[in-house]
Amino acid sequence: MPKIKSSRTKRAPEGFDEIEPTLREFQQKMKDGKLINLSTFLSGLLIACIQSENDPHEGKRKIEALWPIFRLHHQRSRYVYELFYKRKAISKELYEYLLKQGYADGNLIAKWKKAGYEKVCCLRCIQPKDTNFGTTCVCRVPRDKLEEGKVVECIHCGCRGCSSGSGASSTGSAAGSKEGSSKTTN
């Protein structure tokens, strides 16, 4: 969540006004649950409508209530990452300002820069201490290593597969839409 602005807050670098509306949409989306169409910003990826913190939680498991927040956090960080590293549309000064103000997750972006972690959905999925057997999450297993037709879903963030190797899904991030009804957890 971005820090609260006060009279002592450092002034935003040049170029912030161009991306501020999109960042505000993400912030509002965390509260409202309204659809944001970022197809022009995220390489043609159409973001599906995701529930937010004000949506009802009836009929969901306790952990499922947090999945939309994880997805929005991933999308916002991915937006900043693509602006700086892929499209080179923002300056280094603005990028560091966005990280410092909490608009993006610097640790998650650092993982995206490493080989094999280009599509990682959240940091909890790669922490072995969070699983029963001391391994990474099931969403990190390449699709060709899974049983045919098996649908996996991460218990941490709801991701359906974020591995970067051979057989990996092209839409394997937490930002992908949910399909199917069977669930498998680790």
N, C-alpha and C. Protein backbone atom coordinates (compact mmCIF):
# COMPACT_ATOMS: atom_id res chain seq x y z
N MET A 1 0.84 -1.17 0.00
CA MET A 1 0.00 0.00 0.00
C MET A 1 0.89 1.23 0.00
N PRO A 2 0.61 2.21 -0.84
CA PRO A 2 1.42 3.43 -0.88
C PRO A 2 1.36 4.19 0.44
N LYS A 3 2.46 4.85 0.73
CA LYS A 3 2.54 5.63 1.96
C LYS A 3 1.63 6.84 1.88
N ILE A 4 1.22 7.34 3.03
CA ILE A 4 0.37 8.52 3.10
C ILE A 4 1.23 9.75 2.84
N LYS A 5 0.73 10.64 2.00
CA LYS A 5 1.47 11.86 1.66
C LYS A 5 1.23 12.91 2.73
N SER A 6 2.32 13.57 3.13
CA SER A 6 2.23 14.67 4.10
C SER A 6 3.07 15.82 3.56
N SER A 7 3.19 16.87 4.35
CA SER A 7 3.96 18.02 3.91
C SER A 7 5.46 17.71 3.83
N ARG A 8 5.92 16.68 4.56
CA ARG A 8 7.33 16.32 4.53
C ARG A 8 7.65 15.21 3.52
N THR A 9 6.64 14.69 2.83
CA THR A 9 6.85 13.64 1.84
C THR A 9 7.60 14.20 0.64
N LYS A 10 8.57 13.43 0.17
CA LYS A 10 9.36 13.84 -0.98
C LYS A 10 8.46 13.97 -2.20
N ARG A 11 8.69 15.00 -2.98
CA ARG A 11 7.90 15.25 -4.18
C ARG A 11 8.15 14.14 -5.21
N ALA A 12 7.10 13.73 -5.90
CA ALA A 12 7.21 12.66 -6.88
C ALA A 12 8.07 13.09 -8.06
N PRO A 13 8.91 12.20 -8.59
CA PRO A 13 9.75 12.54 -9.74
C PRO A 13 8.93 12.79 -11.00
N GLU A 14 9.60 13.33 -11.99
CA GLU A 14 8.96 13.63 -13.26
C GLU A 14 8.48 12.33 -13.91
N GLY A 15 7.28 12.36 -14.45
CA GLY A 15 6.70 11.19 -15.10
C GLY A 15 5.69 10.46 -14.22
N PHE A 16 5.63 10.79 -12.95
CA PHE A 16 4.70 10.12 -12.05
C PHE A 16 3.26 10.44 -12.41
N ASP A 17 3.00 11.68 -12.88
CA ASP A 17 1.61 12.06 -13.22
C ASP A 17 1.07 11.21 -14.36
N GLU A 18 1.94 10.68 -15.23
CA GLU A 18 1.48 9.87 -16.35
C GLU A 18 1.00 8.48 -15.90
N ILE A 19 1.63 7.92 -14.88
CA ILE A 19 1.24 6.58 -14.43
C ILE A 19 0.38 6.61 -13.17
N GLU A 20 0.24 7.77 -12.56
CA GLU A 20 -0.55 7.88 -11.33
C GLU A 20 -2.00 7.44 -11.49
N PRO A 21 -2.69 7.76 -12.61
CA PRO A 21 -4.08 7.29 -12.73
C PRO A 21 -4.20 5.77 -12.69
N THR A 22 -3.28 5.07 -13.32
CA THR A 22 -3.31 3.60 -13.31
C THR A 22 -3.04 3.07 -11.91
N LEU A 23 -2.08 3.67 -11.21
CA LEU A 23 -1.78 3.25 -9.85
C LEU A 23 -2.95 3.52 -8.91
N ARG A 24 -3.63 4.63 -9.13
CA ARG A 24 -4.82 4.94 -8.33
C ARG A 24 -5.96 3.95 -8.62
N GLU A 25 -6.05 3.52 -9.88
CA GLU A 25 -7.06 2.51 -10.23
C GLU A 25 -6.79 1.21 -9.47
N PHE A 26 -5.52 0.82 -9.39
CA PHE A 26 -5.17 -0.38 -8.63
C PHE A 26 -5.54 -0.21 -7.16
N GLN A 27 -5.25 0.97 -6.61
CA GLN A 27 -5.56 1.24 -5.20
C GLN A 27 -7.07 1.21 -4.98
N GLN A 28 -7.81 1.80 -5.89
CA GLN A 28 -9.27 1.80 -5.77
C GLN A 28 -9.82 0.39 -5.96
N LYS A 29 -9.19 -0.38 -6.84
CA LYS A 29 -9.61 -1.75 -7.10
C LYS A 29 -9.49 -2.61 -5.86
N MET A 30 -8.48 -2.34 -5.06
CA MET A 30 -8.31 -3.08 -3.81
C MET A 30 -9.54 -2.87 -2.91
N LYS A 31 -10.19 -1.74 -3.02
CA LYS A 31 -11.33 -1.43 -2.17
C LYS A 31 -12.66 -1.77 -2.82
N ASP A 32 -12.82 -1.47 -4.11
CA ASP A 32 -14.11 -1.59 -4.78
C ASP A 32 -14.37 -2.94 -5.42
N GLY A 33 -13.43 -3.42 -6.19
CA GLY A 33 -13.66 -4.64 -6.97
C GLY A 33 -14.16 -4.33 -8.36
N LYS A 34 -13.98 -3.10 -8.84
CA LYS A 34 -14.41 -2.75 -10.19
C LYS A 34 -13.39 -3.26 -11.20
N LEU A 35 -13.87 -3.50 -12.42
CA LEU A 35 -13.03 -4.03 -13.48
C LEU A 35 -12.06 -2.96 -13.98
N ILE A 36 -10.78 -3.34 -14.11
CA ILE A 36 -9.78 -2.46 -14.69
C ILE A 36 -9.33 -3.11 -15.98
N ASN A 37 -9.40 -2.40 -17.07
CA ASN A 37 -8.93 -2.94 -18.34
C ASN A 37 -7.56 -2.33 -18.62
N LEU A 38 -6.53 -3.13 -18.42
CA LEU A 38 -5.16 -2.68 -18.63
C LEU A 38 -4.55 -3.30 -19.87
N SER A 39 -5.38 -3.64 -20.84
CA SER A 39 -4.89 -4.35 -22.01
C SER A 39 -3.83 -3.55 -22.75
N THR A 40 -3.91 -2.23 -22.72
CA THR A 40 -2.91 -1.43 -23.41
C THR A 40 -1.61 -1.33 -22.62
N PHE A 41 -1.66 -1.53 -21.32
CA PHE A 41 -0.47 -1.37 -20.49
C PHE A 41 0.31 -2.67 -20.30
N LEU A 42 -0.34 -3.80 -20.20
CA LEU A 42 0.33 -5.05 -19.86
C LEU A 42 0.42 -6.00 -21.04
N SER A 43 1.03 -5.57 -22.10
CA SER A 43 1.33 -6.42 -23.25
C SER A 43 0.10 -7.15 -23.78
N GLY A 44 -1.01 -6.47 -23.82
CA GLY A 44 -2.21 -7.06 -24.38
C GLY A 44 -2.95 -8.01 -23.45
N LEU A 45 -2.53 -8.10 -22.20
CA LEU A 45 -3.18 -9.00 -21.25
C LEU A 45 -4.43 -8.32 -20.71
N LEU A 46 -5.57 -8.94 -20.89
CA LEU A 46 -6.82 -8.40 -20.37
C LEU A 46 -7.01 -8.91 -18.96
N ILE A 47 -7.09 -8.01 -18.01
CA ILE A 47 -7.24 -8.37 -16.61
C ILE A 47 -8.70 -8.67 -16.33
N ALA A 48 -8.95 -9.85 -15.78
CA ALA A 48 -10.31 -10.25 -15.45
C ALA A 48 -10.77 -9.53 -14.19
N CYS A 49 -12.06 -9.42 -14.05
CA CYS A 49 -12.61 -8.79 -12.87
C CYS A 49 -12.31 -9.66 -11.65
N ILE A 50 -11.71 -9.06 -10.65
CA ILE A 50 -11.30 -9.79 -9.45
C ILE A 50 -12.01 -9.18 -8.25
N GLN A 51 -12.41 -10.03 -7.34
CA GLN A 51 -13.08 -9.54 -6.15
C GLN A 51 -12.08 -8.84 -5.25
N SER A 52 -12.55 -7.98 -4.40
CA SER A 52 -11.66 -7.23 -3.51
C SER A 52 -12.08 -7.40 -2.06
N GLU A 53 -11.50 -6.58 -1.21
CA GLU A 53 -11.73 -6.73 0.22
C GLU A 53 -13.16 -6.41 0.65
N ASN A 54 -13.92 -5.66 -0.14
CA ASN A 54 -15.31 -5.35 0.22
C ASN A 54 -16.30 -6.39 -0.28
N ASP A 55 -15.86 -7.34 -1.09
CA ASP A 55 -16.76 -8.36 -1.62
C ASP A 55 -17.09 -9.38 -0.55
N PRO A 56 -18.22 -10.06 -0.68
CA PRO A 56 -18.60 -11.05 0.33
C PRO A 56 -17.66 -12.26 0.32
N HIS A 57 -17.48 -12.86 1.48
CA HIS A 57 -16.59 -14.00 1.63
C HIS A 57 -17.33 -15.28 1.94
N GLU A 58 -18.65 -15.27 1.87
CA GLU A 58 -19.43 -16.45 2.21
C GLU A 58 -19.13 -17.57 1.22
N GLY A 59 -19.00 -18.77 1.73
CA GLY A 59 -18.77 -19.92 0.88
C GLY A 59 -17.32 -20.12 0.48
N LYS A 60 -16.43 -19.26 0.93
CA LYS A 60 -15.02 -19.38 0.59
C LYS A 60 -14.25 -19.86 1.81
N ARG A 61 -13.13 -20.53 1.53
CA ARG A 61 -12.25 -20.88 2.62
C ARG A 61 -11.60 -19.60 3.13
N LYS A 62 -11.07 -19.65 4.33
CA LYS A 62 -10.48 -18.46 4.95
C LYS A 62 -9.36 -17.88 4.09
N ILE A 63 -8.52 -18.73 3.55
CA ILE A 63 -7.39 -18.27 2.76
C ILE A 63 -7.83 -17.71 1.40
N GLU A 64 -8.95 -18.21 0.86
CA GLU A 64 -9.43 -17.75 -0.44
C GLU A 64 -9.84 -16.28 -0.42
N ALA A 65 -10.18 -15.76 0.72
CA ALA A 65 -10.58 -14.36 0.82
C ALA A 65 -9.43 -13.42 0.51
N LEU A 66 -8.19 -13.88 0.69
CA LEU A 66 -7.02 -13.04 0.45
C LEU A 66 -6.48 -13.14 -0.98
N TRP A 67 -6.90 -14.13 -1.75
CA TRP A 67 -6.37 -14.33 -3.09
C TRP A 67 -6.52 -13.10 -3.99
N PRO A 68 -7.66 -12.41 -4.00
CA PRO A 68 -7.77 -11.22 -4.86
C PRO A 68 -6.74 -10.14 -4.50
N ILE A 69 -6.43 -10.01 -3.22
CA ILE A 69 -5.44 -9.02 -2.80
C ILE A 69 -4.06 -9.40 -3.32
N PHE A 70 -3.72 -10.70 -3.24
CA PHE A 70 -2.45 -11.18 -3.79
C PHE A 70 -2.37 -10.92 -5.29
N ARG A 71 -3.47 -11.15 -5.99
CA ARG A 71 -3.48 -10.95 -7.44
C ARG A 71 -3.27 -9.48 -7.80
N LEU A 72 -3.96 -8.60 -7.10
CA LEU A 72 -3.81 -7.17 -7.37
C LEU A 72 -2.40 -6.69 -7.03
N HIS A 73 -1.84 -7.20 -5.96
CA HIS A 73 -0.46 -6.86 -5.58
C HIS A 73 0.49 -7.30 -6.69
N HIS A 74 0.27 -8.50 -7.23
CA HIS A 74 1.09 -9.01 -8.32
C HIS A 74 0.93 -8.14 -9.56
N GLN A 75 -0.28 -7.80 -9.91
CA GLN A 75 -0.54 -7.00 -11.10
C GLN A 75 0.11 -5.62 -11.01
N ARG A 76 -0.01 -4.99 -9.84
CA ARG A 76 0.57 -3.66 -9.66
C ARG A 76 2.09 -3.71 -9.75
N SER A 77 2.70 -4.71 -9.12
CA SER A 77 4.15 -4.86 -9.19
C SER A 77 4.59 -5.18 -10.62
N ARG A 78 3.84 -6.02 -11.31
CA ARG A 78 4.18 -6.39 -12.68
C ARG A 78 4.08 -5.18 -13.60
N TYR A 79 3.10 -4.32 -13.35
CA TYR A 79 2.94 -3.09 -14.14
C TYR A 79 4.19 -2.22 -14.02
N VAL A 80 4.66 -2.01 -12.80
CA VAL A 80 5.86 -1.19 -12.58
C VAL A 80 7.08 -1.87 -13.19
N TYR A 81 7.20 -3.18 -13.03
CA TYR A 81 8.32 -3.94 -13.58
C TYR A 81 8.38 -3.80 -15.10
N GLU A 82 7.24 -3.97 -15.75
CA GLU A 82 7.22 -3.87 -17.21
C GLU A 82 7.51 -2.46 -17.69
N LEU A 83 7.03 -1.47 -16.97
CA LEU A 83 7.33 -0.09 -17.35
C LEU A 83 8.82 0.20 -17.30
N PHE A 84 9.50 -0.32 -16.29
CA PHE A 84 10.92 0.00 -16.12
C PHE A 84 11.83 -0.94 -16.91
N TYR A 85 11.65 -2.24 -16.79
CA TYR A 85 12.58 -3.18 -17.39
C TYR A 85 12.25 -3.57 -18.83
N LYS A 86 11.00 -3.74 -19.15
CA LYS A 86 10.62 -4.19 -20.49
C LYS A 86 10.45 -3.04 -21.47
N ARG A 87 9.64 -2.06 -21.11
CA ARG A 87 9.35 -0.96 -22.03
C ARG A 87 10.26 0.24 -21.86
N LYS A 88 10.96 0.30 -20.73
CA LYS A 88 11.86 1.42 -20.41
C LYS A 88 11.14 2.77 -20.55
N ALA A 89 9.94 2.83 -20.00
CA ALA A 89 9.08 4.00 -20.11
C ALA A 89 9.22 4.95 -18.92
N ILE A 90 9.86 4.50 -17.83
CA ILE A 90 10.04 5.36 -16.66
C ILE A 90 11.52 5.42 -16.29
N SER A 91 11.88 6.48 -15.59
CA SER A 91 13.28 6.67 -15.20
C SER A 91 13.62 5.84 -13.97
N LYS A 92 14.90 5.67 -13.72
CA LYS A 92 15.36 4.92 -12.55
C LYS A 92 14.93 5.63 -11.27
N GLU A 93 14.97 6.96 -11.30
CA GLU A 93 14.55 7.75 -10.14
C GLU A 93 13.07 7.50 -9.80
N LEU A 94 12.23 7.47 -10.83
CA LEU A 94 10.80 7.21 -10.62
C LEU A 94 10.57 5.78 -10.16
N TYR A 95 11.32 4.83 -10.73
CA TYR A 95 11.21 3.43 -10.34
C TYR A 95 11.55 3.26 -8.86
N GLU A 96 12.65 3.85 -8.41
CA GLU A 96 13.04 3.76 -7.00
C GLU A 96 12.03 4.45 -6.09
N TYR A 97 11.45 5.56 -6.56
CA TYR A 97 10.42 6.25 -5.80
C TYR A 97 9.19 5.34 -5.62
N LEU A 98 8.78 4.66 -6.69
CA LEU A 98 7.63 3.76 -6.62
C LEU A 98 7.87 2.61 -5.65
N LEU A 99 9.09 2.08 -5.64
CA LEU A 99 9.41 1.01 -4.70
C LEU A 99 9.41 1.53 -3.26
N LYS A 100 10.00 2.69 -3.06
CA LYS A 100 10.09 3.26 -1.71
C LYS A 100 8.71 3.62 -1.16
N GLN A 101 7.82 4.09 -2.03
CA GLN A 101 6.49 4.48 -1.60
C GLN A 101 5.52 3.30 -1.48
N GLY A 102 5.96 2.10 -1.88
CA GLY A 102 5.12 0.91 -1.71
C GLY A 102 4.18 0.63 -2.85
N TYR A 103 4.40 1.23 -4.01
CA TYR A 103 3.54 0.96 -5.16
C TYR A 103 3.86 -0.39 -5.80
N ALA A 104 5.08 -0.90 -5.57
CA ALA A 104 5.49 -2.20 -6.11
C ALA A 104 6.34 -2.91 -5.07
N ASP A 105 6.43 -4.23 -5.20
CA ASP A 105 7.19 -5.06 -4.29
C ASP A 105 8.59 -5.29 -4.87
N GLY A 106 9.59 -4.69 -4.28
CA GLY A 106 10.96 -4.79 -4.76
C GLY A 106 11.51 -6.21 -4.70
N ASN A 107 11.15 -6.97 -3.68
CA ASN A 107 11.62 -8.34 -3.56
C ASN A 107 11.04 -9.24 -4.65
N LEU A 108 9.79 -9.05 -4.97
CA LEU A 108 9.15 -9.83 -6.03
C LEU A 108 9.76 -9.47 -7.39
N ILE A 109 10.00 -8.20 -7.63
CA ILE A 109 10.61 -7.76 -8.88
C ILE A 109 12.03 -8.31 -8.99
N ALA A 110 12.75 -8.37 -7.88
CA ALA A 110 14.11 -8.94 -7.90
C ALA A 110 14.08 -10.40 -8.31
N LYS A 111 13.06 -11.15 -7.89
CA LYS A 111 12.93 -12.55 -8.30
C LYS A 111 12.61 -12.66 -9.78
N TRP A 112 11.77 -11.76 -10.31
CA TRP A 112 11.42 -11.80 -11.73
C TRP A 112 12.64 -11.61 -12.61
N LYS A 113 13.65 -10.93 -12.12
CA LYS A 113 14.86 -10.69 -12.92
C LYS A 113 15.75 -11.93 -12.98
N LYS A 114 15.55 -12.90 -12.09
CA LYS A 114 16.38 -14.11 -12.06
C LYS A 114 15.83 -15.18 -13.00
N ALA A 115 16.73 -15.97 -13.56
CA ALA A 115 16.33 -17.06 -14.45
C ALA A 115 15.54 -18.11 -13.67
N GLY A 116 14.43 -18.55 -14.25
CA GLY A 116 13.58 -19.54 -13.61
C GLY A 116 12.49 -18.96 -12.75
N TYR A 117 12.54 -17.67 -12.49
CA TYR A 117 11.53 -17.03 -11.64
C TYR A 117 10.79 -15.91 -12.39
N GLU A 118 10.84 -15.92 -13.70
CA GLU A 118 10.25 -14.84 -14.49
C GLU A 118 8.75 -14.70 -14.31
N LYS A 119 8.09 -15.77 -13.93
CA LYS A 119 6.62 -15.75 -13.82
C LYS A 119 6.13 -16.00 -12.40
N VAL A 120 7.01 -15.97 -11.41
CA VAL A 120 6.61 -16.30 -10.05
C VAL A 120 5.47 -15.38 -9.60
N CYS A 121 4.48 -15.96 -8.95
CA CYS A 121 3.27 -15.21 -8.59
C CYS A 121 3.40 -14.46 -7.27
N CYS A 122 4.02 -15.10 -6.28
CA CYS A 122 4.22 -14.44 -4.99
C CYS A 122 5.42 -15.07 -4.30
N LEU A 123 5.95 -14.40 -3.33
CA LEU A 123 7.14 -14.89 -2.64
C LEU A 123 6.86 -16.10 -1.75
N ARG A 124 5.64 -16.24 -1.29
CA ARG A 124 5.30 -17.38 -0.43
C ARG A 124 5.37 -18.70 -1.19
N CYS A 125 5.18 -18.67 -2.49
CA CYS A 125 5.21 -19.90 -3.28
C CYS A 125 6.62 -20.46 -3.45
N ILE A 126 7.64 -19.68 -3.22
CA ILE A 126 9.00 -20.18 -3.37
C ILE A 126 9.71 -20.36 -2.02
N GLN A 127 9.00 -20.16 -0.93
CA GLN A 127 9.58 -20.35 0.39
C GLN A 127 9.30 -21.77 0.87
N PRO A 128 10.33 -22.59 1.03
CA PRO A 128 10.10 -23.97 1.44
C PRO A 128 9.57 -24.12 2.86
N LYS A 129 9.77 -23.13 3.71
CA LYS A 129 9.31 -23.25 5.10
C LYS A 129 7.78 -23.19 5.22
N ASP A 130 7.09 -22.73 4.18
CA ASP A 130 5.64 -22.62 4.23
C ASP A 130 4.91 -23.88 3.77
N THR A 131 5.64 -24.94 3.41
CA THR A 131 5.01 -26.17 2.94
C THR A 131 5.27 -27.31 3.92
N ASN A 132 4.49 -28.35 3.81
CA ASN A 132 4.60 -29.48 4.73
C ASN A 132 5.89 -30.26 4.57
N PHE A 133 6.38 -30.39 3.33
CA PHE A 133 7.53 -31.25 3.07
C PHE A 133 8.82 -30.49 2.78
N GLY A 134 8.84 -29.19 3.02
CA GLY A 134 10.04 -28.40 2.82
C GLY A 134 10.40 -28.19 1.36
N THR A 135 9.40 -28.12 0.49
CA THR A 135 9.61 -27.87 -0.93
C THR A 135 8.88 -26.59 -1.31
N THR A 136 8.93 -26.23 -2.58
CA THR A 136 8.17 -25.06 -3.02
C THR A 136 6.72 -25.46 -3.28
N CYS A 137 5.91 -24.49 -3.61
CA CYS A 137 4.47 -24.69 -3.82
C CYS A 137 4.21 -25.52 -5.08
N VAL A 138 3.07 -26.16 -5.14
CA VAL A 138 2.70 -26.99 -6.28
C VAL A 138 2.52 -26.17 -7.55
N CYS A 139 2.25 -24.90 -7.44
CA CYS A 139 2.09 -24.07 -8.64
C CYS A 139 3.42 -23.85 -9.36
N ARG A 140 4.54 -24.15 -8.73
CA ARG A 140 5.86 -24.00 -9.33
C ARG A 140 6.27 -25.22 -10.15
N VAL A 141 5.47 -26.29 -10.13
CA VAL A 141 5.77 -27.50 -10.90
C VAL A 141 5.36 -27.27 -12.35
N PRO A 142 6.26 -27.52 -13.33
CA PRO A 142 5.89 -27.35 -14.75
C PRO A 142 4.72 -28.25 -15.13
N ARG A 143 3.90 -27.78 -16.04
CA ARG A 143 2.69 -28.52 -16.43
C ARG A 143 3.01 -29.89 -17.02
N ASP A 144 4.14 -30.03 -17.72
CA ASP A 144 4.45 -31.33 -18.32
C ASP A 144 4.88 -32.36 -17.27
N LYS A 145 5.16 -31.94 -16.06
CA LYS A 145 5.53 -32.86 -14.98
C LYS A 145 4.32 -33.32 -14.16
N LEU A 146 3.18 -32.68 -14.38
CA LEU A 146 1.95 -33.03 -13.66
C LEU A 146 1.18 -34.11 -14.41
N GLU A 147 0.25 -34.75 -13.73
CA GLU A 147 -0.63 -35.72 -14.37
C GLU A 147 -1.45 -35.02 -15.44
N GLU A 148 -1.79 -35.75 -16.48
CA GLU A 148 -2.58 -35.21 -17.58
C GLU A 148 -3.95 -34.75 -17.09
N GLY A 149 -4.32 -33.50 -17.38
CA GLY A 149 -5.62 -32.97 -17.02
C GLY A 149 -5.76 -32.54 -15.57
N LYS A 150 -4.70 -32.62 -14.78
CA LYS A 150 -4.78 -32.25 -13.37
C LYS A 150 -4.73 -30.72 -13.24
N VAL A 151 -5.65 -30.16 -12.49
CA VAL A 151 -5.71 -28.72 -12.27
C VAL A 151 -5.09 -28.44 -10.91
N VAL A 152 -4.07 -27.61 -10.89
CA VAL A 152 -3.44 -27.23 -9.63
C VAL A 152 -3.85 -25.82 -9.26
N GLU A 153 -3.90 -25.59 -7.95
CA GLU A 153 -4.23 -24.26 -7.46
C GLU A 153 -3.46 -24.05 -6.17
N CYS A 154 -2.70 -23.01 -6.13
CA CYS A 154 -1.88 -22.70 -4.96
C CYS A 154 -2.76 -22.34 -3.77
N ILE A 155 -2.40 -22.84 -2.60
CA ILE A 155 -3.20 -22.52 -1.42
C ILE A 155 -2.85 -21.14 -0.87
N HIS A 156 -1.68 -20.61 -1.24
CA HIS A 156 -1.25 -19.31 -0.72
C HIS A 156 -1.94 -18.15 -1.44
N CYS A 157 -1.95 -18.20 -2.79
CA CYS A 157 -2.46 -17.04 -3.54
C CYS A 157 -3.47 -17.39 -4.62
N GLY A 158 -3.75 -18.67 -4.84
CA GLY A 158 -4.72 -19.07 -5.85
C GLY A 158 -4.15 -19.19 -7.24
N CYS A 159 -2.84 -19.13 -7.39
CA CYS A 159 -2.18 -19.23 -8.69
C CYS A 159 -2.42 -20.61 -9.29
N ARG A 160 -2.51 -20.68 -10.60
CA ARG A 160 -2.74 -21.95 -11.29
C ARG A 160 -1.51 -22.44 -12.03
N GLY A 161 -0.36 -21.92 -11.70
CA GLY A 161 0.88 -22.38 -12.32
C GLY A 161 1.76 -21.21 -12.73
N CYS A 162 2.90 -21.08 -12.08
CA CYS A 162 3.78 -19.95 -12.38
C CYS A 162 5.22 -20.43 -12.64
N SER A 163 5.39 -21.65 -13.11
CA SER A 163 6.74 -22.13 -13.39
C SER A 163 7.21 -21.51 -14.71
N SER A 164 8.52 -21.39 -14.86
CA SER A 164 9.08 -20.72 -16.02
C SER A 164 9.80 -21.66 -16.97
N GLY A 165 9.81 -22.95 -16.68
CA GLY A 165 10.57 -23.89 -17.49
C GLY A 165 9.79 -24.43 -18.66
N SER A 166 10.26 -25.56 -19.23
CA SER A 166 9.57 -26.18 -20.36
C SER A 166 8.22 -26.71 -19.88
N GLY A 167 7.25 -26.56 -20.74
CA GLY A 167 5.91 -27.01 -20.39
C GLY A 167 5.15 -26.02 -19.53
N ALA A 168 5.73 -24.87 -19.30
CA ALA A 168 5.07 -23.86 -18.47
C ALA A 168 3.98 -23.18 -19.26
N SER A 169 2.95 -22.79 -18.57
CA SER A 169 1.84 -22.09 -19.19
C SER A 169 2.25 -20.68 -19.54
N SER A 170 1.73 -20.14 -20.64
CA SER A 170 2.07 -18.78 -21.02
C SER A 170 1.34 -17.75 -20.18
N THR A 171 0.26 -18.14 -19.52
CA THR A 171 -0.48 -17.22 -18.66
C THR A 171 -0.39 -17.67 -17.22
N GLY A 172 0.74 -18.15 -16.80
CA GLY A 172 0.85 -18.80 -15.51
C GLY A 172 1.04 -17.91 -14.32
N SER A 173 0.61 -16.69 -14.34
CA SER A 173 0.79 -15.83 -13.18
C SER A 173 -0.49 -15.78 -12.35
N ALA A 174 -0.39 -15.14 -11.22
CA ALA A 174 -1.55 -14.98 -10.35
C ALA A 174 -2.58 -14.06 -10.99
N ALA A 175 -2.19 -13.34 -12.02
CA ALA A 175 -3.10 -12.42 -12.68
C ALA A 175 -4.04 -13.13 -13.64
N GLY A 176 -3.79 -14.40 -13.92
CA GLY A 176 -4.62 -15.16 -14.86
C GLY A 176 -6.01 -15.40 -14.30
N SER A 177 -6.93 -15.68 -15.19
CA SER A 177 -8.29 -15.92 -14.74
C SER A 177 -8.44 -17.34 -14.24
N LYS A 178 -9.44 -17.58 -13.42
CA LYS A 178 -9.69 -18.91 -12.85
C LYS A 178 -10.67 -19.64 -13.75
N GLU A 179 -10.34 -20.89 -14.06
CA GLU A 179 -11.27 -21.71 -14.80
C GLU A 179 -11.26 -23.10 -14.21
N GLY A 180 -12.29 -23.85 -14.46
CA GLY A 180 -12.38 -25.20 -13.93
C GLY A 180 -12.95 -25.18 -12.53
N SER A 181 -13.30 -26.37 -12.05
CA SER A 181 -13.91 -26.41 -10.72
C SER A 181 -13.15 -27.26 -9.74
N SER A 182 -12.31 -28.20 -10.22
CA SER A 182 -11.58 -29.04 -9.27
C SER A 182 -10.36 -28.31 -8.75
N LYS A 183 -10.03 -28.56 -7.50
CA LYS A 183 -8.92 -27.87 -6.84
C LYS A 183 -7.98 -28.89 -6.26
N THR A 184 -6.69 -28.65 -6.42
CA THR A 184 -5.68 -29.50 -5.80
C THR A 184 -4.72 -28.60 -5.07
N THR A 185 -4.45 -28.90 -3.83
CA THR A 185 -3.54 -28.10 -3.04
C THR A 185 -2.40 -28.96 -2.55
N ASN A 186 -1.33 -28.30 -2.08
CA ASN A 186 -0.19 -29.07 -1.59
C ASN A 186 -0.30 -29.36 -0.14
